[in-house]
C-alpha cells in the first residue's frame, strides 16, 4: 500500500520497532522478565544461558543496559539452592565487576557437569543399599 520509500520505511519502523508507547511496554515487560528470572526445575544451564542472553539482548535493543555485576548477581540469585556453594565461592574468588556473562556460564556449565556426574554415581549407591536391605530381610524372617 505504501507508494514511496519514506512510507515504506516508516511502516517498517512502526511494525518492528513500534511507537513510543509500544517501546515502553516492551521495555517494561522485558525488565519484568529480567527481574523475575529463575532457573526452571529440570532446565539445563545451556537453556538457562540462552534464556538470560535473549533477555539481555532484548533489553539492550530497547536501550536498557545493566552493568556486569548486576547481571551476574541476578543470574546467581536465579539459580536453585543446590548452586549456593558454587555461587558463594565465585563471589569470594572472582571480581564480579569485570566478569563477563559468558565466563559465568562457562563456570556454571562445568559445575553442572560435576553435579550430573555425581548424580549419575548416586543410583549405584542406592541400588547397593537396596540390595543390602533385601539380603538382610530374609535372614530376619528366618529367625522369627
N, C-alpha and C. Protein backbone atom coordinates (compact mmCIF):
# COMPACT_ATOMS: atom_id res chain seq x y z
N UNK A 1 0.80 -1.19 0.00
CA UNK A 1 0.00 0.00 0.00
C UNK A 1 0.86 1.27 0.00
N UNK A 2 2.07 1.16 0.48
CA UNK A 2 2.96 2.34 0.51
C UNK A 2 3.45 2.65 -0.90
N UNK A 3 3.53 3.93 -1.20
CA UNK A 3 3.87 4.33 -2.56
C UNK A 3 5.30 4.86 -2.69
N UNK A 4 5.83 5.43 -1.59
CA UNK A 4 7.20 5.95 -1.68
C UNK A 4 8.06 5.31 -0.58
N UNK A 5 9.36 5.40 -0.78
CA UNK A 5 10.31 4.76 0.13
C UNK A 5 10.14 5.23 1.57
N UNK A 6 9.87 6.51 1.75
CA UNK A 6 9.69 7.04 3.11
C UNK A 6 8.52 6.36 3.81
N UNK A 7 7.42 6.17 3.11
CA UNK A 7 6.25 5.50 3.69
C UNK A 7 6.60 4.05 4.06
N UNK A 8 7.34 3.39 3.19
CA UNK A 8 7.75 2.00 3.45
C UNK A 8 8.61 1.95 4.71
N UNK A 9 9.57 2.85 4.80
CA UNK A 9 10.47 2.91 5.95
C UNK A 9 9.70 3.17 7.24
N UNK A 10 8.80 4.12 7.22
CA UNK A 10 8.00 4.45 8.40
C UNK A 10 7.12 3.27 8.81
N UNK A 11 6.56 2.58 7.84
CA UNK A 11 5.71 1.42 8.13
C UNK A 11 6.52 0.29 8.76
N UNK A 12 7.73 0.05 8.23
CA UNK A 12 8.60 -0.99 8.80
C UNK A 12 9.00 -0.65 10.24
N UNK A 13 9.32 0.61 10.47
CA UNK A 13 9.67 1.03 11.83
C UNK A 13 8.48 0.83 12.76
N UNK A 14 7.32 1.21 12.30
CA UNK A 14 6.11 1.05 13.12
C UNK A 14 5.85 -0.42 13.42
N UNK A 15 6.03 -1.29 12.43
CA UNK A 15 5.76 -2.72 12.62
C UNK A 15 6.78 -3.40 13.52
N UNK A 16 8.06 -3.09 13.33
CA UNK A 16 9.11 -3.83 14.03
C UNK A 16 9.65 -3.13 15.26
N UNK A 17 9.59 -1.82 15.31
CA UNK A 17 10.09 -1.08 16.47
C UNK A 17 8.92 -0.59 17.30
N UNK A 18 7.90 -0.13 16.65
CA UNK A 18 6.71 0.38 17.34
C UNK A 18 6.84 1.84 17.68
N UNK A 19 5.75 2.41 18.15
CA UNK A 19 5.78 3.80 18.58
C UNK A 19 6.34 3.88 20.00
N UNK A 20 6.40 5.05 20.55
CA UNK A 20 6.99 5.25 21.88
C UNK A 20 6.28 4.42 22.95
N UNK A 21 4.96 4.39 22.90
CA UNK A 21 4.19 3.61 23.88
C UNK A 21 4.49 2.12 23.76
N UNK A 22 4.59 1.62 22.54
CA UNK A 22 4.91 0.21 22.32
C UNK A 22 6.29 -0.11 22.86
N UNK A 23 7.28 0.75 22.60
CA UNK A 23 8.64 0.53 23.10
C UNK A 23 8.66 0.53 24.63
N UNK A 24 7.93 1.44 25.23
CA UNK A 24 7.86 1.49 26.70
C UNK A 24 7.25 0.22 27.27
N UNK A 25 6.19 -0.27 26.63
CA UNK A 25 5.55 -1.51 27.08
C UNK A 25 6.49 -2.70 26.93
N UNK A 26 7.18 -2.78 25.79
CA UNK A 26 8.14 -3.86 25.59
C UNK A 26 9.25 -3.80 26.63
N UNK A 27 9.74 -2.60 26.91
CA UNK A 27 10.79 -2.43 27.91
C UNK A 27 10.30 -2.85 29.28
N UNK A 28 9.10 -2.44 29.66
CA UNK A 28 8.53 -2.80 30.96
C UNK A 28 8.43 -4.32 31.10
N UNK A 29 7.91 -4.98 30.08
CA UNK A 29 7.75 -6.44 30.12
C UNK A 29 9.11 -7.13 30.20
N UNK A 30 10.08 -6.65 29.44
CA UNK A 30 11.39 -7.27 29.42
C UNK A 30 12.12 -7.05 30.75
N UNK A 31 11.97 -5.88 31.34
CA UNK A 31 12.56 -5.64 32.66
C UNK A 31 11.94 -6.59 33.69
N UNK A 32 10.63 -6.80 33.59
CA UNK A 32 9.95 -7.74 34.50
C UNK A 32 10.50 -9.16 34.31
N UNK A 33 10.73 -9.56 33.06
CA UNK A 33 11.32 -10.88 32.79
C UNK A 33 12.69 -10.99 33.45
N UNK A 34 13.48 -9.93 33.30
CA UNK A 34 14.83 -9.93 33.89
C UNK A 34 14.76 -9.97 35.42
N UNK A 35 13.89 -9.16 36.00
CA UNK A 35 13.78 -9.11 37.46
C UNK A 35 13.32 -10.44 38.05
N UNK A 36 12.51 -11.17 37.32
CA UNK A 36 11.94 -12.42 37.83
C UNK A 36 12.63 -13.68 37.32
N UNK A 37 13.79 -13.52 36.70
CA UNK A 37 14.43 -14.68 36.08
C UNK A 37 14.86 -15.69 37.14
N UNK A 38 14.47 -16.92 36.92
CA UNK A 38 14.83 -18.04 37.77
C UNK A 38 15.07 -19.25 36.87
N UNK A 39 16.00 -20.07 37.27
CA UNK A 39 16.24 -21.30 36.53
C UNK A 39 15.07 -22.24 36.83
N UNK A 40 14.48 -22.79 35.80
CA UNK A 40 13.32 -23.67 35.95
C UNK A 40 13.77 -25.07 36.38
N UNK A 41 12.93 -25.78 37.13
CA UNK A 41 13.29 -27.16 37.50
C UNK A 41 13.51 -28.01 36.24
N UNK A 42 14.62 -28.72 36.21
CA UNK A 42 14.94 -29.57 35.07
C UNK A 42 15.58 -28.84 33.90
N UNK A 43 15.69 -27.52 33.99
CA UNK A 43 16.28 -26.74 32.90
C UNK A 43 17.80 -26.90 32.93
N UNK A 44 18.39 -27.10 31.78
CA UNK A 44 19.85 -27.20 31.71
C UNK A 44 20.47 -25.81 31.79
N UNK A 45 21.75 -25.78 32.15
CA UNK A 45 22.44 -24.50 32.23
C UNK A 45 22.53 -23.86 30.85
N UNK A 46 22.66 -24.66 29.80
CA UNK A 46 22.70 -24.12 28.44
C UNK A 46 21.39 -23.43 28.09
N UNK A 47 20.27 -24.05 28.46
CA UNK A 47 18.97 -23.45 28.18
C UNK A 47 18.78 -22.16 29.00
N UNK A 48 19.21 -22.20 30.24
CA UNK A 48 19.12 -21.01 31.09
C UNK A 48 19.99 -19.89 30.52
N UNK A 49 21.17 -20.24 30.05
CA UNK A 49 22.08 -19.29 29.41
C UNK A 49 21.40 -18.62 28.22
N UNK A 50 20.78 -19.42 27.36
CA UNK A 50 20.09 -18.88 26.18
C UNK A 50 18.96 -17.94 26.58
N UNK A 51 18.21 -18.33 27.60
CA UNK A 51 17.08 -17.51 28.04
C UNK A 51 17.56 -16.17 28.60
N UNK A 52 18.58 -16.22 29.46
CA UNK A 52 19.13 -14.99 30.03
C UNK A 52 19.72 -14.11 28.94
N UNK A 53 20.50 -14.70 28.06
CA UNK A 53 21.13 -13.93 26.97
C UNK A 53 20.08 -13.27 26.08
N UNK A 54 19.01 -13.98 25.81
CA UNK A 54 17.92 -13.42 25.00
C UNK A 54 17.30 -12.20 25.66
N UNK A 55 17.11 -12.27 26.95
CA UNK A 55 16.53 -11.14 27.69
C UNK A 55 17.50 -9.96 27.69
N UNK A 56 18.79 -10.24 27.90
CA UNK A 56 19.80 -9.17 27.91
C UNK A 56 19.88 -8.50 26.54
N UNK A 57 19.84 -9.29 25.48
CA UNK A 57 19.87 -8.73 24.11
C UNK A 57 18.64 -7.86 23.88
N UNK A 58 17.49 -8.34 24.31
CA UNK A 58 16.25 -7.58 24.14
C UNK A 58 16.30 -6.27 24.92
N UNK A 59 16.81 -6.32 26.16
CA UNK A 59 16.93 -5.11 26.95
C UNK A 59 17.86 -4.10 26.29
N UNK A 60 18.99 -4.59 25.79
CA UNK A 60 19.96 -3.70 25.14
C UNK A 60 19.34 -3.05 23.90
N UNK A 61 18.60 -3.83 23.13
CA UNK A 61 17.95 -3.28 21.93
C UNK A 61 16.92 -2.21 22.30
N UNK A 62 16.34 -2.33 23.49
CA UNK A 62 15.35 -1.36 23.93
C UNK A 62 15.98 -0.19 24.69
N UNK A 63 17.32 -0.20 24.79
CA UNK A 63 18.02 0.91 25.41
C UNK A 63 18.31 0.77 26.89
N UNK A 64 18.01 -0.37 27.48
CA UNK A 64 18.27 -0.59 28.91
C UNK A 64 19.51 -1.47 29.03
N UNK A 65 20.54 -0.94 29.69
CA UNK A 65 21.80 -1.68 29.83
C UNK A 65 22.11 -1.81 31.32
N UNK A 66 22.35 -3.05 31.76
CA UNK A 66 22.78 -3.32 33.12
C UNK A 66 24.29 -3.54 33.11
N UNK A 67 24.95 -3.21 34.22
CA UNK A 67 26.39 -3.49 34.28
C UNK A 67 26.61 -4.97 34.58
N UNK A 68 27.83 -5.43 34.37
CA UNK A 68 28.16 -6.85 34.53
C UNK A 68 27.76 -7.38 35.91
N UNK A 69 28.09 -6.64 36.93
CA UNK A 69 27.82 -7.08 38.30
C UNK A 69 26.32 -7.32 38.52
N UNK A 70 25.48 -6.40 38.06
CA UNK A 70 24.03 -6.55 38.23
C UNK A 70 23.52 -7.81 37.53
N UNK A 71 23.99 -8.04 36.32
CA UNK A 71 23.53 -9.21 35.55
C UNK A 71 24.01 -10.50 36.22
N UNK A 72 25.27 -10.53 36.61
CA UNK A 72 25.83 -11.75 37.20
C UNK A 72 25.16 -12.06 38.53
N UNK A 73 24.95 -11.06 39.36
CA UNK A 73 24.27 -11.30 40.64
C UNK A 73 22.83 -11.75 40.42
N UNK A 74 22.16 -11.18 39.43
CA UNK A 74 20.79 -11.59 39.12
C UNK A 74 20.76 -13.06 38.70
N UNK A 75 21.69 -13.47 37.85
CA UNK A 75 21.76 -14.86 37.41
C UNK A 75 22.03 -15.78 38.60
N UNK A 76 22.98 -15.40 39.44
CA UNK A 76 23.32 -16.23 40.61
C UNK A 76 22.13 -16.38 41.56
N UNK A 77 21.38 -15.29 41.75
CA UNK A 77 20.20 -15.37 42.62
C UNK A 77 19.08 -16.19 41.99
N UNK A 78 19.11 -16.34 40.69
CA UNK A 78 18.08 -17.10 39.99
C UNK A 78 18.35 -18.60 39.94
N UNK A 79 19.47 -19.02 40.51
CA UNK A 79 19.82 -20.45 40.50
C UNK A 79 19.17 -21.17 41.68
N UNK A 80 18.93 -22.47 41.54
CA UNK A 80 18.38 -23.26 42.65
C UNK A 80 19.36 -23.31 43.83
N UNK A 81 18.86 -23.70 44.99
CA UNK A 81 19.67 -23.74 46.22
C UNK A 81 20.89 -24.65 46.10
N UNK A 82 20.80 -25.70 45.31
CA UNK A 82 21.95 -26.61 45.18
C UNK A 82 23.17 -25.93 44.57
N UNK A 83 22.98 -24.75 44.03
CA UNK A 83 24.08 -23.99 43.43
C UNK A 83 24.69 -22.99 44.39
N UNK A 84 24.16 -22.86 45.61
CA UNK A 84 24.63 -21.86 46.55
C UNK A 84 26.12 -21.98 46.85
N UNK A 85 26.61 -23.19 47.02
CA UNK A 85 28.03 -23.39 47.31
C UNK A 85 28.88 -22.79 46.20
N UNK A 86 28.50 -23.06 44.97
CA UNK A 86 29.26 -22.56 43.82
C UNK A 86 29.18 -21.03 43.73
N UNK A 87 28.00 -20.47 43.91
CA UNK A 87 27.87 -19.03 43.76
C UNK A 87 28.59 -18.27 44.88
N UNK A 88 28.55 -18.79 46.10
CA UNK A 88 29.28 -18.14 47.19
C UNK A 88 30.78 -18.18 46.91
N UNK A 89 31.28 -19.32 46.45
CA UNK A 89 32.70 -19.42 46.12
C UNK A 89 33.08 -18.45 45.01
N UNK A 90 32.23 -18.31 44.01
CA UNK A 90 32.52 -17.40 42.91
C UNK A 90 32.50 -15.94 43.38
N UNK A 91 31.58 -15.61 44.25
CA UNK A 91 31.51 -14.23 44.76
C UNK A 91 32.78 -13.86 45.52
N UNK A 92 33.34 -14.83 46.24
CA UNK A 92 34.53 -14.56 47.03
C UNK A 92 35.81 -14.59 46.19
N UNK A 93 35.83 -15.39 45.13
CA UNK A 93 37.07 -15.57 44.38
C UNK A 93 37.16 -14.77 43.08
N UNK A 94 36.07 -14.25 42.59
CA UNK A 94 36.07 -13.55 41.29
C UNK A 94 35.68 -12.09 41.46
N UNK A 95 36.14 -11.26 40.55
CA UNK A 95 35.74 -9.86 40.50
C UNK A 95 34.49 -9.77 39.63
N UNK A 96 33.35 -9.64 40.26
CA UNK A 96 32.08 -9.63 39.53
C UNK A 96 31.89 -8.38 38.68
N UNK A 97 32.66 -7.34 38.96
CA UNK A 97 32.56 -6.11 38.16
C UNK A 97 33.15 -6.29 36.77
N UNK A 98 34.16 -7.14 36.65
CA UNK A 98 34.83 -7.34 35.36
C UNK A 98 34.47 -8.67 34.71
N UNK A 99 33.82 -9.55 35.45
CA UNK A 99 33.45 -10.86 34.90
C UNK A 99 32.40 -10.69 33.81
N UNK A 100 32.57 -11.43 32.73
CA UNK A 100 31.60 -11.40 31.63
C UNK A 100 30.55 -12.50 31.85
N UNK A 101 29.36 -12.27 31.34
CA UNK A 101 28.27 -13.24 31.48
C UNK A 101 28.67 -14.58 30.87
N UNK A 102 29.35 -14.54 29.75
CA UNK A 102 29.81 -15.77 29.10
C UNK A 102 30.71 -16.58 30.03
N UNK A 103 31.64 -15.91 30.72
CA UNK A 103 32.55 -16.60 31.63
C UNK A 103 31.79 -17.21 32.81
N UNK A 104 30.79 -16.51 33.30
CA UNK A 104 29.97 -17.04 34.38
C UNK A 104 29.32 -18.35 33.94
N UNK A 105 28.72 -18.34 32.76
CA UNK A 105 28.02 -19.54 32.30
C UNK A 105 28.99 -20.68 31.98
N UNK A 106 30.20 -20.37 31.54
CA UNK A 106 31.20 -21.43 31.33
C UNK A 106 31.49 -22.13 32.66
N UNK A 107 31.70 -21.34 33.73
CA UNK A 107 31.95 -21.92 35.06
C UNK A 107 30.74 -22.72 35.55
N UNK A 108 29.55 -22.17 35.35
CA UNK A 108 28.34 -22.85 35.82
C UNK A 108 28.08 -24.14 35.05
N UNK A 109 28.38 -24.15 33.77
CA UNK A 109 28.19 -25.37 32.98
C UNK A 109 29.17 -26.45 33.42
N UNK A 110 30.39 -26.06 33.76
CA UNK A 110 31.37 -27.03 34.27
C UNK A 110 30.89 -27.61 35.60
N UNK A 111 30.36 -26.76 36.46
CA UNK A 111 29.84 -27.22 37.75
C UNK A 111 28.61 -28.12 37.55
N UNK A 112 27.76 -27.77 36.60
CA UNK A 112 26.59 -28.60 36.29
C UNK A 112 27.05 -29.99 35.87
N UNK A 113 28.11 -30.06 35.08
CA UNK A 113 28.65 -31.35 34.65
C UNK A 113 29.11 -32.16 35.86
N UNK A 114 29.78 -31.51 36.81
CA UNK A 114 30.21 -32.19 38.03
C UNK A 114 29.02 -32.70 38.83
N UNK A 115 28.00 -31.86 38.98
CA UNK A 115 26.79 -32.27 39.71
C UNK A 115 26.13 -33.47 39.03
N UNK A 116 26.06 -33.42 37.70
CA UNK A 116 25.43 -34.51 36.96
C UNK A 116 26.22 -35.80 37.12
N UNK A 117 27.53 -35.69 37.09
CA UNK A 117 28.38 -36.87 37.27
C UNK A 117 28.14 -37.50 38.63
N UNK A 118 28.02 -36.66 39.65
CA UNK A 118 27.76 -37.19 41.00
C UNK A 118 26.37 -37.80 41.10
N UNK A 119 25.39 -37.22 40.44
CA UNK A 119 24.04 -37.78 40.45
C UNK A 119 24.02 -39.12 39.72
N UNK A 120 24.80 -39.24 38.65
CA UNK A 120 24.87 -40.49 37.91
C UNK A 120 25.48 -41.59 38.75
N UNK A 121 26.41 -41.24 39.66
CA UNK A 121 27.02 -42.21 40.55
C UNK A 121 26.08 -42.62 41.67
N UNK A 122 25.16 -41.77 42.04
CA UNK A 122 24.26 -41.99 43.17
C UNK A 122 23.34 -43.21 43.00
N UNK A 123 22.74 -43.46 41.83
CA UNK A 123 21.85 -44.62 41.72
C UNK A 123 22.55 -45.94 42.06
N UNK A 124 23.83 -46.06 41.72
CA UNK A 124 24.57 -47.27 42.05
C UNK A 124 24.63 -47.43 43.56
N UNK A 125 24.90 -46.35 44.27
CA UNK A 125 24.96 -46.39 45.72
C UNK A 125 23.60 -46.78 46.28
N UNK A 126 22.52 -46.20 45.77
CA UNK A 126 21.18 -46.51 46.24
C UNK A 126 20.84 -47.97 45.93
N UNK A 127 21.23 -48.44 44.76
CA UNK A 127 20.99 -49.83 44.39
C UNK A 127 21.71 -50.76 45.35
N UNK A 128 22.94 -50.44 45.69
CA UNK A 128 23.70 -51.25 46.65
C UNK A 128 22.99 -51.27 47.99
N UNK A 129 22.49 -50.13 48.45
CA UNK A 129 21.76 -50.09 49.72
C UNK A 129 20.51 -50.95 49.65
N UNK A 130 19.77 -50.86 48.54
CA UNK A 130 18.56 -51.65 48.37
C UNK A 130 18.86 -53.15 48.40
N UNK A 131 19.91 -53.54 47.72
CA UNK A 131 20.30 -54.95 47.70
C UNK A 131 20.69 -55.43 49.08
N UNK A 132 21.37 -54.60 49.87
CA UNK A 132 21.76 -54.95 51.22
C UNK A 132 20.51 -55.17 52.07
N UNK A 133 19.53 -54.31 51.94
CA UNK A 133 18.28 -54.45 52.69
C UNK A 133 17.57 -55.73 52.28
N UNK A 134 17.53 -56.03 50.99
CA UNK A 134 16.86 -57.24 50.50
C UNK A 134 17.57 -58.48 51.05
N UNK A 135 18.89 -58.49 51.10
CA UNK A 135 19.64 -59.63 51.62
C UNK A 135 19.43 -59.80 53.11
N UNK A 136 19.29 -58.71 53.85
CA UNK A 136 19.11 -58.79 55.29
C UNK A 136 17.71 -59.24 55.67
N UNK A 137 16.71 -58.89 54.93
CA UNK A 137 15.34 -59.21 55.28
C UNK A 137 15.07 -60.71 55.36
N UNK A 138 15.53 -61.55 54.41
CA UNK A 138 15.25 -62.98 54.54
C UNK A 138 15.85 -63.59 55.80
N UNK A 139 17.03 -63.16 56.20
CA UNK A 139 17.63 -63.74 57.41
C UNK A 139 16.86 -63.33 58.65
N UNK A 140 16.31 -62.12 58.65
CA UNK A 140 15.48 -61.66 59.77
C UNK A 140 14.21 -62.50 59.81
N UNK A 141 13.61 -62.80 58.66
CA UNK A 141 12.39 -63.60 58.60
C UNK A 141 12.64 -65.01 59.09
N UNK A 142 13.79 -65.58 58.75
CA UNK A 142 14.13 -66.94 59.16
C UNK A 142 14.28 -67.04 60.67
N UNK A 143 14.81 -66.02 61.31
CA UNK A 143 14.97 -66.04 62.76
C UNK A 143 13.63 -66.02 63.45
N UNK A 144 12.67 -65.31 62.90
CA UNK A 144 11.33 -65.23 63.53
C UNK A 144 10.66 -66.57 63.38
